[in-house]
Structures are given as C-alpha cells and as structure tokens.
Amino acid sequence: MNHRLSLESIQRAMTTIPTEFLHTPQFESAALSEALACQLTVKIETLNPIRSFKGRGASHFVASLERSAKLICASAGNFGQAMAYVCGSRGMSLTVYAAHTANPLKLERMRALGANVVLHGEDFDAAKLEAKKIALKTGAYMVEDGLEPLISEGAGTMALELLANQDFDALLIPLGNGAMLNGVARWAKAHSSAKIIAVQAAGAPAMLESWRAGQIVTHEAITTIADGIGVRVPIREALEDMKTLVDDGLTVSEESILKAMKLIHQHLGVVSEPSGAVGIAALLEHPQRFATKRVATVICGGNLTPEQMRQWL
C-alpha cells in the first residue's frame, strides 16, 4: 500500500542532512544489557550541536525550501533548536513559539542560534495553537513537527543506520508527536523483522490512547517531566501513519523515567533528558517481556539544565 512517508526520501535524506547529525554512535551496551537482562543496543543522538536527533528532520525539511521563506514553528525546545540551527546556517528567518513553562536552557539556546522566540501559554500545544494563528495572519509558513513528511523521513535515517548490519526483536521508540517514531518505523518495517514499540510517559498518553481508540483523544493537561514527548493534542496524520507501523505501545511512570536516566548516566556516561530515557524505562517496567531479547532504543536528547542534572542524576 502507498504510505505518506517515502522510503526513497529517507534514503535521500542521507545526502541532505549535515554530517554532524549523521552516523551517530550505536553499540550493544554490556553493562545495560546485564542490568536489564536483555541484549540492548543504544543509539546516542545527543553528541551534536543541539544535543538531539531533531537536526535530522529539520535539515531534510528546510533543504526543500527557498531561502526567502519566512518560517514559524512551535517547540518544547529541541525541534526549535534544530530549526534555528538549520535556518541560521542558511540565513533564513525563523520564529519559534514556546510555552512559558518551557525548559529555560532550551529557550536560551534557541535564541543563541538566532531564532525569534515568543512565549505563549502554559504548554507546548497552547504555544502551537498560537503559532498557527500567527502564521495564518501573517502568511508565514507554519512548520509542524509530526505533520511534515520530510521531517519524519529525516528522522527515519536513524533506522537506516541502526539496521544497516543487524536486526532486532524489538525497537522501543519514544513517542511524542510521532515524527521520530513514524520515520524510524517506516524504514524498519520495510527492512527488518523488529516489532515497533511506541513508548510514552504515563502522564502524557494522548497519542497512544488515540492510536488505540482509532480517533483523536485529547487531554486538558500533561503531568510529566518528559517535556519533549509531552503532547496532549495529537496530529491526525501522524496517527494515520502509526496504524500500519506500530505493533504495540507502552506508557512508563515518572519513577521509571528517572531511574532510566540514572542508569544511562551511570553505564554510558551520557546525559539523557527524560524523553530520551523512556525506552530504557520500558525495559525496567517489563523485564519478563524483553528478557534475553535483542532490543534497541534511541537516546534521543540530552538537554538538561544544571539544576535538573543535580536533581535528577
């Protein structure tokens, strides 16, 4: 069947994404495998100028635009940094809408990378709604992460690299608005036998609830430290993508997320933000399900403030 996301575009993205975001470290961690009683491969997406995987999708998307385009997006922080980094390198105009409650480190870095940052509302979805209104009023291009196929296809290059010379029983992928999950799953379903397991924070389960219900389920608020995947208003197109790509979904507790972050720091020497640790959290909560299995997950972001590092790690 035809799919909204293109395998050819994922492959082409390897030529449009800057080298600093490609071929990230991936390896089987003996220490984590022993701690979690499985064969665990990790892919580290924090060792780049913005400390997250978002540079892949942002650069693949922006490469398709004229440099004169005026862009608006909304972000909890990492996508905004990616867009600011790519737009700055091309001399393009970018305004990012973010919540008043957004991570201050991420806000600071978006500004430092040249974005005009506007604060609005108490969470990501409120900021995104305002960004859409302003884009409609001004004629700017509203860039919606999870909606634009090119962004998801750029994220799909992680699976192209991960599966180049190996296969797995399961891939545990963080689920926010669906850009990373759907991009990775699109390539994986065509090139591996791995089960695709979407992982969300229990305090922000709208995407998984919507996927299971077959219709959009929204929440009035989210209650999770995993701001990067804290979505309460799902994107319809991303849910459609998930229908044929996702095998199962799991939600994880705040306690498990914090424990996973500490394990990553202890055994890998890597700082992971909460959103990047939910795959490890799922392994902690479901040891019997994944016992002895070959599994992989993406440590997809590492933007923590000094205070968060002291408190959480």
C-alpha atoms as a PDB file:
ATOM      1  CA  MET A   1       0.000   0.000   0.000  1.00  0.00           C
ATOM      2  CA  ASN A   2       1.026   3.600  -0.537  1.00  0.00           C
ATOM      3  CA  HIS A   3       2.324   5.372   2.536  1.00  0.00           C
ATOM      4  CA  ARG A   4       2.577   9.068   3.362  1.00  0.00           C
ATOM      5  CA  LEU A   5       6.252   8.610   4.242  1.00  0.00           C
ATOM      6  CA  SER A   6       8.643   7.674   1.443  1.00  0.00           C
ATOM      7  CA  LEU A   7      11.438   5.134   1.751  1.00  0.00           C
ATOM      8  CA  GLU A   8      13.205   6.880  -1.117  1.00  0.00           C
ATOM      9  CA  SER A   9      13.050  10.188   0.754  1.00  0.00           C
ATOM     10  CA  ILE A  10      14.533   8.583   3.886  1.00  0.00           C
ATOM     11  CA  GLN A  11      17.424   7.306   1.791  1.00  0.00           C
ATOM     12  CA  ARG A  12      17.817  10.675   0.046  1.00  0.00           C
ATOM     13  CA  ALA A  13      17.923  12.405   3.439  1.00  0.00           C
ATOM     14  CA  MET A  14      21.369  10.881   3.983  1.00  0.00           C
ATOM     15  CA  THR A  15      22.579  13.395   1.372  1.00  0.00           C
ATOM     16  CA  THR A  16      20.685  16.450   2.688  1.00  0.00           C
ATOM     17  CA  ILE A  17      21.379  16.118   6.422  1.00  0.00           C
ATOM     18  CA  PRO A  18      24.623  17.758   7.630  1.00  0.00           C
ATOM     19  CA  THR A  19      27.337  15.312   8.628  1.00  0.00           C
ATOM     20  CA  GLU A  20      27.278  16.450  12.262  1.00  0.00           C
ATOM     21  CA  PHE A  21      23.880  14.757  12.679  1.00  0.00           C
ATOM     22  CA  LEU A  22      24.649  11.515  10.825  1.00  0.00           C
ATOM     23  CA  HIS A  23      26.258   8.183  11.772  1.00  0.00           C
ATOM     24  CA  THR A  24      25.755   8.642  15.489  1.00  0.00           C
ATOM     25  CA  PRO A  25      27.240   6.101  17.936  1.00  0.00           C
ATOM     26  CA  GLN A  26      25.340   2.829  18.258  1.00  0.00           C
ATOM     27  CA  PHE A  27      26.523  -0.211  20.161  1.00  0.00           C
ATOM     28  CA  GLU A  28      25.428  -3.037  22.403  1.00  0.00           C
ATOM     29  CA  SER A  29      25.949  -1.960  25.995  1.00  0.00           C
ATOM     30  CA  ALA A  30      27.174  -4.901  28.049  1.00  0.00           C
ATOM     31  CA  ALA A  31      26.540  -3.071  31.314  1.00  0.00           C
ATOM     32  CA  LEU A  32      22.974  -2.055  30.482  1.00  0.00           C
ATOM     33  CA  SER A  33      22.254  -5.443  28.921  1.00  0.00           C
ATOM     34  CA  GLU A  34      23.261  -7.115  32.165  1.00  0.00           C
ATOM     35  CA  ALA A  35      21.277  -4.641  34.285  1.00  0.00           C
ATOM     36  CA  LEU A  36      18.158  -5.082  32.149  1.00  0.00           C
ATOM     37  CA  ALA A  37      18.518  -8.801  31.315  1.00  0.00           C
ATOM     38  CA  CYS A  38      18.333  -8.348  27.562  1.00  0.00           C
ATOM     39  CA  GLN A  39      20.651  -7.704  24.610  1.00  0.00           C
ATOM     40  CA  LEU A  40      20.394  -3.920  24.413  1.00  0.00           C
ATOM     41  CA  THR A  41      21.744  -1.748  21.623  1.00  0.00           C
ATOM     42  CA  VAL A  42      21.608   2.000  22.157  1.00  0.00           C
ATOM     43  CA  LYS A  43      21.803   4.749  19.555  1.00  0.00           C
ATOM     44  CA  ILE A  44      23.122   8.000  21.022  1.00  0.00           C
ATOM     45  CA  GLU A  45      21.650  11.130  19.428  1.00  0.00           C
ATOM     46  CA  THR A  46      22.981  13.689  21.923  1.00  0.00           C
ATOM     47  CA  LEU A  47      26.518  14.246  20.569  1.00  0.00           C
ATOM     48  CA  ASN A  48      25.809  17.046  18.116  1.00  0.00           C
ATOM     49  CA  PRO A  49      25.459  20.857  18.225  1.00  0.00           C
ATOM     50  CA  ILE A  50      21.870  20.757  19.540  1.00  0.00           C
ATOM     51  CA  ARG A  51      22.105  17.568  21.660  1.00  0.00           C
ATOM     52  CA  SER A  52      19.145  15.859  19.996  1.00  0.00           C
ATOM     53  CA  PHE A  53      18.045  13.914  16.926  1.00  0.00           C
ATOM     54  CA  LYS A  54      15.865  16.771  15.691  1.00  0.00           C
ATOM     55  CA  GLY A  55      18.574  18.126  13.401  1.00  0.00           C
ATOM     56  CA  ARG A  56      17.957  15.231  11.034  1.00  0.00           C
ATOM     57  CA  GLY A  57      14.351  16.039  10.217  1.00  0.00           C
ATOM     58  CA  ALA A  58      14.719  19.812  10.384  1.00  0.00           C
ATOM     59  CA  SER A  59      17.606  19.876   7.909  1.00  0.00           C
ATOM     60  CA  HIS A  60      15.939  17.474   5.464  1.00  0.00           C
ATOM     61  CA  PHE A  61      12.811  19.629   5.513  1.00  0.00           C
ATOM     62  CA  VAL A  62      14.481  23.038   5.296  1.00  0.00           C
ATOM     63  CA  ALA A  63      16.646  21.867   2.384  1.00  0.00           C
ATOM     64  CA  SER A  64      13.442  21.676   0.321  1.00  0.00           C
ATOM     65  CA  LEU A  65      12.589  25.371   0.840  1.00  0.00           C
ATOM     66  CA  GLU A  66      13.611  28.634  -0.763  1.00  0.00           C
ATOM     67  CA  ARG A  67      15.920  30.669   1.448  1.00  0.00           C
ATOM     68  CA  SER A  68      13.438  33.550   1.333  1.00  0.00           C
ATOM     69  CA  ALA A  69      10.766  31.535   3.186  1.00  0.00           C
ATOM     70  CA  LYS A  70       9.535  33.013   6.481  1.00  0.00           C
ATOM     71  CA  LEU A  71       9.034  30.179   8.938  1.00  0.00           C
ATOM     72  CA  ILE A  72       7.115  29.743  12.187  1.00  0.00           C
ATOM     73  CA  CYS A  73       7.098  26.661  14.381  1.00  0.00           C
ATOM     74  CA  ALA A  74       6.235  25.629  17.911  1.00  0.00           C
ATOM     75  CA  SER A  75       8.546  23.646  20.125  1.00  0.00           C
ATOM     76  CA  ALA A  76       9.145  22.336  23.611  1.00  0.00           C
ATOM     77  CA  GLY A  77      12.782  23.132  22.841  1.00  0.00           C
ATOM     78  CA  ASN A  78      14.636  20.536  20.789  1.00  0.00           C
ATOM     79  CA  PHE A  79      12.818  20.967  17.485  1.00  0.00           C
ATOM     80  CA  GLY A  80      13.090  24.738  17.861  1.00  0.00           C
ATOM     81  CA  GLN A  81      16.842  24.414  18.379  1.00  0.00           C
ATOM     82  CA  ALA A  82      17.121  22.216  15.295  1.00  0.00           C
ATOM     83  CA  MET A  83      15.143  24.636  13.151  1.00  0.00           C
ATOM     84  CA  ALA A  84      17.137  27.590  14.489  1.00  0.00           C
ATOM     85  CA  TYR A  85      20.426  25.812  13.759  1.00  0.00           C
ATOM     86  CA  VAL A  86      19.466  24.895  10.194  1.00  0.00           C
ATOM     87  CA  CYS A  87      17.775  28.207   9.374  1.00  0.00           C
ATOM     88  CA  GLY A  88      20.718  30.119  10.804  1.00  0.00           C
ATOM     89  CA  SER A  89      23.135  28.236   8.574  1.00  0.00           C
ATOM     90  CA  ARG A  90      21.017  29.168   5.539  1.00  0.00           C
ATOM     91  CA  GLY A  91      20.288  32.778   6.538  1.00  0.00           C
ATOM     92  CA  MET A  92      16.560  32.121   6.872  1.00  0.00           C
ATOM     93  CA  SER A  93      14.017  33.810   9.144  1.00  0.00           C
ATOM     94  CA  LEU A  94      12.503  31.738  11.972  1.00  0.00           C
ATOM     95  CA  THR A  95      10.089  32.456  14.807  1.00  0.00           C
ATOM     96  CA  VAL A  96       9.592  29.787  17.464  1.00  0.00           C
ATOM     97  CA  TYR A  97       6.590  29.734  19.789  1.00  0.00           C
ATOM     98  CA  ALA A  98       7.162  28.041  23.126  1.00  0.00           C
ATOM     99  CA  ALA A  99       5.315  27.768  26.419  1.00  0.00           C
ATOM    100  CA  HIS A 100       6.131  29.962  29.406  1.00  0.00           C
ATOM    101  CA  THR A 101       6.949  26.705  31.197  1.00  0.00           C
ATOM    102  CA  ALA A 102       9.489  25.510  28.601  1.00  0.00           C
ATOM    103  CA  ASN A 103      12.965  24.375  29.643  1.00  0.00           C
ATOM    104  CA  PRO A 104      14.973  27.615  30.114  1.00  0.00           C
ATOM    105  CA  LEU A 105      18.139  26.035  28.727  1.00  0.00           C
ATOM    106  CA  LYS A 106      16.337  25.132  25.506  1.00  0.00           C
ATOM    107  CA  LEU A 107      14.853  28.645  25.237  1.00  0.00           C
ATOM    108  CA  GLU A 108      18.286  30.205  25.723  1.00  0.00           C
ATOM    109  CA  ARG A 109      19.827  28.023  23.041  1.00  0.00           C
ATOM    110  CA  MET A 110      17.073  28.723  20.522  1.00  0.00           C
ATOM    111  CA  ARG A 111      17.735  32.450  20.956  1.00  0.00           C
ATOM    112  CA  ALA A 112      21.502  31.952  20.779  1.00  0.00           C
ATOM    113  CA  LEU A 113      21.054  30.128  17.469  1.00  0.00           C
ATOM    114  CA  GLY A 114      19.215  33.131  16.028  1.00  0.00           C
ATOM    115  CA  ALA A 115      15.527  32.307  16.418  1.00  0.00           C
ATOM    116  CA  ASN A 116      12.955  34.879  17.453  1.00  0.00           C
ATOM    117  CA  VAL A 117      11.393  33.133  20.458  1.00  0.00           C
ATOM    118  CA  VAL A 118       7.852  34.054  21.525  1.00  0.00           C
ATOM    119  CA  LEU A 119       6.440  32.664  24.767  1.00  0.00           C
ATOM    120  CA  HIS A 120       2.752  31.840  24.890  1.00  0.00           C
ATOM    121  CA  GLY A 121       0.554  29.582  27.026  1.00  0.00           C
ATOM    122  CA  GLU A 122       1.318  27.003  29.672  1.00  0.00           C
ATOM    123  CA  ASP A 123       2.283  24.062  27.478  1.00  0.00           C
ATOM    124  CA  PHE A 124       3.509  23.086  24.027  1.00  0.00           C
ATOM    125  CA  ASP A 125       0.068  22.623  22.489  1.00  0.00           C
ATOM    126  CA  ALA A 126      -1.088  26.079  23.591  1.00  0.00           C
ATOM    127  CA  ALA A 127       2.038  27.581  22.041  1.00  0.00           C
ATOM    128  CA  LYS A 128       1.445  25.618  18.830  1.00  0.00           C
ATOM    129  CA  LEU A 129      -2.143  26.836  18.543  1.00  0.00           C
ATOM    130  CA  GLU A 130      -0.963  30.440  18.829  1.00  0.00           C
ATOM    131  CA  ALA A 131       1.797  29.852  16.265  1.00  0.00           C
ATOM    132  CA  LYS A 132      -0.798  28.558  13.804  1.00  0.00           C
ATOM    133  CA  LYS A 133      -2.935  31.649  14.330  1.00  0.00           C
ATOM    134  CA  ILE A 134       0.002  33.987  13.720  1.00  0.00           C
ATOM    135  CA  ALA A 135       1.111  32.051  10.642  1.00  0.00           C
ATOM    136  CA  LEU A 136      -2.391  32.327   9.190  1.00  0.00           C
ATOM    137  CA  LYS A 137      -2.466  36.051   9.930  1.00  0.00           C
ATOM    138  CA  THR A 138       0.988  36.871   8.564  1.00  0.00           C
ATOM    139  CA  GLY A 139       1.304  34.376   5.719  1.00  0.00           C
ATOM    140  CA  ALA A 140       4.378  32.738   7.234  1.00  0.00           C
ATOM    141  CA  TYR A 141       4.950  29.001   6.701  1.00  0.00           C
ATOM    142  CA  MET A 142       3.819  27.059   9.775  1.00  0.00           C
ATOM    143  CA  VAL A 143       6.224  24.121  10.189  1.00  0.00           C
ATOM    144  CA  GLU A 144       4.558  21.392  12.231  1.00  0.00           C
ATOM    145  CA  ASP A 145       6.778  18.630  13.543  1.00  0.00           C
ATOM    146  CA  GLY A 146       4.986  15.317  13.113  1.00  0.00           C
ATOM    147  CA  LEU A 147       2.888  16.631  10.227  1.00  0.00           C
ATOM    148  CA  GLU A 148       5.534  17.419   7.593  1.00  0.00           C
ATOM    149  CA  PRO A 149       6.550  14.127   5.917  1.00  0.00           C
ATOM    150  CA  LEU A 150      10.075  15.351   5.194  1.00  0.00           C
ATOM    151  CA  ILE A 151      10.722  15.851   8.916  1.00  0.00           C
ATOM    152  CA  SER A 152       9.666  12.310   9.734  1.00  0.00           C
ATOM    153  CA  GLU A 153      11.640  10.985   6.784  1.00  0.00           C
ATOM    154  CA  GLY A 154      14.744  12.780   8.039  1.00  0.00           C
ATOM    155  CA  ALA A 155      14.271  11.117  11.423  1.00  0.00           C
ATOM    156  CA  GLY A 156      13.948   7.798   9.612  1.00  0.00           C
ATOM    157  CA  THR A 157      17.657   7.911   8.773  1.00  0.00           C
ATOM    158  CA  MET A 158      18.291   6.733  12.339  1.00  0.00           C
ATOM    159  CA  ALA A 159      16.704   3.395  11.436  1.00  0.00           C
ATOM    160  CA  LEU A 160      18.655   3.228   8.181  1.00  0.00           C
ATOM    161  CA  GLU A 161      21.877   3.465  10.206  1.00  0.00           C
ATOM    162  CA  LEU A 162      20.709   1.286  13.082  1.00  0.00           C
ATOM    163  CA  LEU A 163      19.601  -1.591  10.870  1.00  0.00           C
ATOM    164  CA  ALA A 164      22.382  -1.435   8.300  1.00  0.00           C
ATOM    165  CA  ASN A 165      24.113  -4.592   9.542  1.00  0.00           C
ATOM    166  CA  GLN A 166      21.842  -6.092  12.199  1.00  0.00           C
ATOM    167  CA  ASP A 167      18.254  -6.835  13.161  1.00  0.00           C
ATOM    168  CA  PHE A 168      16.371  -6.843  16.446  1.00  0.00           C
ATOM    169  CA  ASP A 169      13.397  -8.446  18.104  1.00  0.00           C
ATOM    170  CA  ALA A 170      12.034  -5.039  19.104  1.00  0.00           C
ATOM    171  CA  LEU A 171      12.689  -1.330  18.734  1.00  0.00           C
ATOM    172  CA  LEU A 172      11.498   0.773  21.686  1.00  0.00           C
ATOM    173  CA  ILE A 173      10.984   4.281  20.331  1.00  0.00           C
ATOM    174  CA  PRO A 174       9.887   7.402  22.253  1.00  0.00           C
ATOM    175  CA  LEU A 175       6.565   8.773  21.026  1.00  0.00           C
ATOM    176  CA  GLY A 176       5.779  12.464  21.143  1.00  0.00           C
ATOM    177  CA  ASN A 177       4.071  13.932  18.090  1.00  0.00           C
ATOM    178  CA  GLY A 178       5.127  10.930  16.010  1.00  0.00           C
ATOM    179  CA  ALA A 179       7.911  12.346  13.826  1.00  0.00           C
ATOM    180  CA  MET A 180      10.673  10.109  15.172  1.00  0.00           C
ATOM    181  CA  LEU A 181       8.506   7.053  15.753  1.00  0.00           C
ATOM    182  CA  ASN A 182       6.924   7.060  12.305  1.00  0.00           C
ATOM    183  CA  GLY A 183      10.136   7.840  10.450  1.00  0.00           C
ATOM    184  CA  VAL A 184      12.057   5.085  12.223  1.00  0.00           C
ATOM    185  CA  ALA A 185       9.168   2.626  11.956  1.00  0.00           C
ATOM    186  CA  ARG A 186       8.622   3.304   8.245  1.00  0.00           C
ATOM    187  CA  TRP A 187      12.168   2.225   7.403  1.00  0.00           C
ATOM    188  CA  ALA A 188      12.248  -0.577   9.978  1.00  0.00           C
ATOM    189  CA  LYS A 189       9.041  -2.205   8.740  1.00  0.00           C
ATOM    190  CA  ALA A 190      10.490  -2.397   5.242  1.00  0.00           C
ATOM    191  CA  HIS A 191      13.961  -3.585   6.223  1.00  0.00           C
ATOM    192  CA  SER A 192      13.690  -5.649   9.404  1.00  0.00           C
ATOM    193  CA  SER A 193      11.545  -8.056  11.367  1.00  0.00           C
ATOM    194  CA  ALA A 194      11.633  -5.971  14.554  1.00  0.00           C
ATOM    195  CA  LYS A 195       8.452  -5.205  16.451  1.00  0.00           C
ATOM    196  CA  ILE A 196       7.886  -1.459  16.789  1.00  0.00           C
ATOM    197  CA  ILE A 197       7.033  -0.498  20.366  1.00  0.00           C
ATOM    198  CA  ALA A 198       5.984   3.126  20.931  1.00  0.00           C
ATOM    199  CA  VAL A 199       6.774   4.448  24.413  1.00  0.00           C
ATOM    200  CA  GLN A 200       5.088   7.413  26.097  1.00  0.00           C
ATOM    201  CA  ALA A 201       5.099   8.924  29.557  1.00  0.00           C
ATOM    202  CA  ALA A 202       2.050   7.829  31.549  1.00  0.00           C
ATOM    203  CA  GLY A 203       1.391  11.493  32.310  1.00  0.00           C
ATOM    204  CA  ALA A 204       1.059  12.357  28.600  1.00  0.00           C
ATOM    205  CA  PRO A 205      -0.623   9.378  26.904  1.00  0.00           C
ATOM    206  CA  ALA A 206      -2.789  11.127  24.288  1.00  0.00           C
ATOM    207  CA  MET A 207      -1.066   9.720  21.197  1.00  0.00           C
ATOM    208  CA  LEU A 208      -1.231   6.099  22.348  1.00  0.00           C
ATOM    209  CA  GLU A 209      -4.786   6.484  23.598  1.00  0.00           C
ATOM    210  CA  SER A 210      -5.769   7.947  20.220  1.00  0.00           C
ATOM    211  CA  TRP A 211      -3.959   5.179  18.322  1.00  0.00           C
ATOM    212  CA  ARG A 212      -5.777   2.512  20.326  1.00  0.00           C
ATOM    213  CA  ALA A 213      -9.173   4.224  20.076  1.00  0.00           C
ATOM    214  CA  GLY A 214      -8.901   4.934  16.367  1.00  0.00           C
ATOM    215  CA  GLN A 215      -9.845   8.552  16.984  1.00  0.00           C
ATOM    216  CA  ILE A 216      -8.252  11.645  18.478  1.00  0.00           C
ATOM    217  CA  VAL A 217      -8.188  11.719  22.262  1.00  0.00           C
ATOM    218  CA  THR A 218      -7.040  14.962  23.875  1.00  0.00           C
ATOM    219  CA  HIS A 219      -6.163  15.941  27.436  1.00  0.00           C
ATOM    220  CA  GLU A 220      -6.576  19.195  29.307  1.00  0.00           C
ATOM    221  CA  ALA A 221      -3.061  18.965  30.730  1.00  0.00           C
ATOM    222  CA  ILE A 222       0.010  16.756  30.907  1.00  0.00           C
ATOM    223  CA  THR A 223       1.832  15.695  34.064  1.00  0.00           C
ATOM    224  CA  THR A 224       5.315  14.551  33.140  1.00  0.00           C
ATOM    225  CA  ILE A 225       8.909  15.699  33.274  1.00  0.00           C
ATOM    226  CA  ALA A 226       9.323  14.312  29.737  1.00  0.00           C
ATOM    227  CA  ASP A 227       8.584  17.651  28.062  1.00  0.00           C
ATOM    228  CA  GLY A 228       9.973  16.563  24.699  1.00  0.00           C
ATOM    229  CA  ILE A 229       7.193  13.988  24.263  1.00  0.00           C
ATOM    230  CA  GLY A 230       4.548  15.854  26.244  1.00  0.00           C
ATOM    231  CA  VAL A 231       1.768  16.054  23.664  1.00  0.00           C
ATOM    232  CA  ARG A 232      -1.871  16.427  24.678  1.00  0.00           C
ATOM    233  CA  VAL A 233      -3.410  17.204  21.241  1.00  0.00           C
ATOM    234  CA  PRO A 234      -2.416  14.531  18.686  1.00  0.00           C
ATOM    235  CA  ILE A 235      -1.774  15.149  14.989  1.00  0.00           C
ATOM    236  CA  ARG A 236      -4.301  13.245  12.888  1.00  0.00           C
ATOM    237  CA  GLU A 237      -1.878  12.469  10.062  1.00  0.00           C
ATOM    238  CA  ALA A 238       0.713  11.089  12.470  1.00  0.00           C
ATOM    239  CA  LEU A 239      -1.913   8.770  13.923  1.00  0.00           C
ATOM    240  CA  GLU A 240      -2.770   7.564  10.433  1.00  0.00           C
ATOM    241  CA  ASP A 241       0.901   6.816   9.859  1.00  0.00           C
ATOM    242  CA  MET A 242       1.024   4.796  13.075  1.00  0.00           C
ATOM    243  CA  LYS A 243      -1.810   2.472  12.019  1.00  0.00           C
ATOM    244  CA  THR A 244       0.367   0.279   9.829  1.00  0.00           C
ATOM    245  CA  LEU A 245       3.707   0.899  11.541  1.00  0.00           C
ATOM    246  CA  VAL A 246       3.275   0.352  15.275  1.00  0.00           C
ATOM    247  CA  ASP A 247       2.906  -3.088  16.839  1.00  0.00           C
ATOM    248  CA  ASP A 248       2.351  -2.053  20.450  1.00  0.00           C
ATOM    249  CA  GLY A 249       2.579   0.860  22.839  1.00  0.00           C
ATOM    250  CA  LEU A 250       3.716   1.219  26.433  1.00  0.00           C
ATOM    251  CA  THR A 251       3.474   4.037  28.959  1.00  0.00           C
ATOM    252  CA  VAL A 252       6.050   4.487  31.705  1.00  0.00           C
ATOM    253  CA  SER A 253       5.980   6.149  35.106  1.00  0.00           C
ATOM    254  CA  GLU A 254       7.959   9.185  36.220  1.00  0.00           C
ATOM    255  CA  GLU A 255       9.794   6.980  38.706  1.00  0.00           C
ATOM    256  CA  SER A 256      10.933   4.639  35.941  1.00  0.00           C
ATOM    257  CA  ILE A 257      11.996   7.535  33.726  1.00  0.00           C
ATOM    258  CA  LEU A 258      14.204   8.952  36.483  1.00  0.00           C
ATOM    259  CA  LYS A 259      15.695   5.529  37.198  1.00  0.00           C
ATOM    260  CA  ALA A 260      16.388   5.059  33.491  1.00  0.00           C
ATOM    261  CA  MET A 261      18.136   8.436  33.258  1.00  0.00           C
ATOM    262  CA  LYS A 262      20.398   7.458  36.143  1.00  0.00           C
ATOM    263  CA  LEU A 263      21.207   4.080  34.559  1.00  0.00           C
ATOM    264  CA  ILE A 264      22.105   5.781  31.269  1.00  0.00           C
ATOM    265  CA  HIS A 265      24.337   8.244  33.083  1.00  0.00           C
ATOM    266  CA  GLN A 266      25.951   5.540  35.198  1.00  0.00           C
ATOM    267  CA  HIS A 267      26.580   2.929  32.499  1.00  0.00           C
ATOM    268  CA  LEU A 268      27.003   5.020  29.338  1.00  0.00           C
ATOM    269  CA  GLY A 269      28.435   8.257  30.725  1.00  0.00           C
ATOM    270  CA  VAL A 270      25.713  10.093  28.812  1.00  0.00           C
ATOM    271  CA  VAL A 271      23.263  12.741  29.987  1.00  0.00           C
ATOM    272  CA  SER A 272      19.752  11.926  28.788  1.00  0.00           C
ATOM    273  CA  GLU A 273      16.725  14.135  29.182  1.00  0.00           C
ATOM    274  CA  PRO A 274      13.543  12.356  30.332  1.00  0.00           C
ATOM    275  CA  SER A 275      12.174  11.935  26.812  1.00  0.00           C
ATOM    276  CA  GLY A 276      15.331  10.167  25.706  1.00  0.00           C
ATOM    277  CA  ALA A 277      15.165   7.641  28.520  1.00  0.00           C
ATOM    278  CA  VAL A 278      11.654   6.237  28.096  1.00  0.00           C
ATOM    279  CA  GLY A 279      12.836   3.228  26.079  1.00  0.00           C
ATOM    280  CA  ILE A 280      15.070   2.183  28.974  1.00  0.00           C
ATOM    281  CA  ALA A 281      12.191   2.907  31.369  1.00  0.00           C
ATOM    282  CA  ALA A 282      10.000   0.477  29.404  1.00  0.00           C
ATOM    283  CA  LEU A 283      12.634  -2.234  29.805  1.00  0.00           C
ATOM    284  CA  LEU A 284      12.683  -1.570  33.542  1.00  0.00           C
ATOM    285  CA  GLU A 285       8.908  -1.929  33.794  1.00  0.00           C
ATOM    286  CA  HIS A 286       8.587  -5.008  31.565  1.00  0.00           C
ATOM    287  CA  PRO A 287      11.627  -7.204  32.314  1.00  0.00           C
ATOM    288  CA  GLN A 288       9.959 -10.518  31.525  1.00  0.00           C
ATOM    289  CA  ARG A 289       8.607  -9.356  28.181  1.00  0.00           C
ATOM    290  CA  PHE A 290      12.037  -8.397  26.886  1.00  0.00           C
ATOM    291  CA  ALA A 291      14.205 -10.922  28.772  1.00  0.00           C
ATOM    292  CA  THR A 292      17.025 -12.236  26.534  1.00  0.00           C
ATOM    293  CA  LYS A 293      15.556 -10.378  23.535  1.00  0.00           C
ATOM    294  CA  ARG A 294      17.619  -8.322  21.107  1.00  0.00           C
ATOM    295  CA  VAL A 295      16.269  -4.818  21.574  1.00  0.00           C
ATOM    296  CA  ALA A 296      17.318  -1.308  20.613  1.00  0.00           C
ATOM    297  CA  THR A 297      16.341   2.169  21.686  1.00  0.00           C
ATOM    298  CA  VAL A 298      17.314   5.735  20.854  1.00  0.00           C
ATOM    299  CA  ILE A 299      18.704   8.118  23.472  1.00  0.00           C
ATOM    300  CA  CYS A 300      17.190  10.965  21.523  1.00  0.00           C
ATOM    301  CA  GLY A 301      18.015  14.090  23.535  1.00  0.00           C
ATOM    302  CA  GLY A 302      20.247  15.358  26.292  1.00  0.00           C
ATOM    303  CA  ASN A 303      19.228  18.924  27.101  1.00  0.00           C
ATOM    304  CA  LEU A 304      19.077  19.329  30.874  1.00  0.00           C
ATOM    305  CA  THR A 305      19.645  22.466  32.917  1.00  0.00           C
ATOM    306  CA  PRO A 306      22.385  22.320  35.599  1.00  0.00           C
ATOM    307  CA  GLU A 307      19.635  22.267  38.228  1.00  0.00           C
ATOM    308  CA  GLN A 308      17.918  19.306  36.531  1.00  0.00           C
ATOM    309  CA  MET A 309      21.224  17.432  36.389  1.00  0.00           C
ATOM    310  CA  ARG A 310      21.756  17.926  40.118  1.00  0.00           C
ATOM    311  CA  GLN A 311      18.178  16.964  40.941  1.00  0.00           C
ATOM    312  CA  TRP A 312      17.693  14.008  38.593  1.00  0.00           C
ATOM    313  CA  LEU A 313      21.131  12.479  38.059  1.00  0.00           C
END
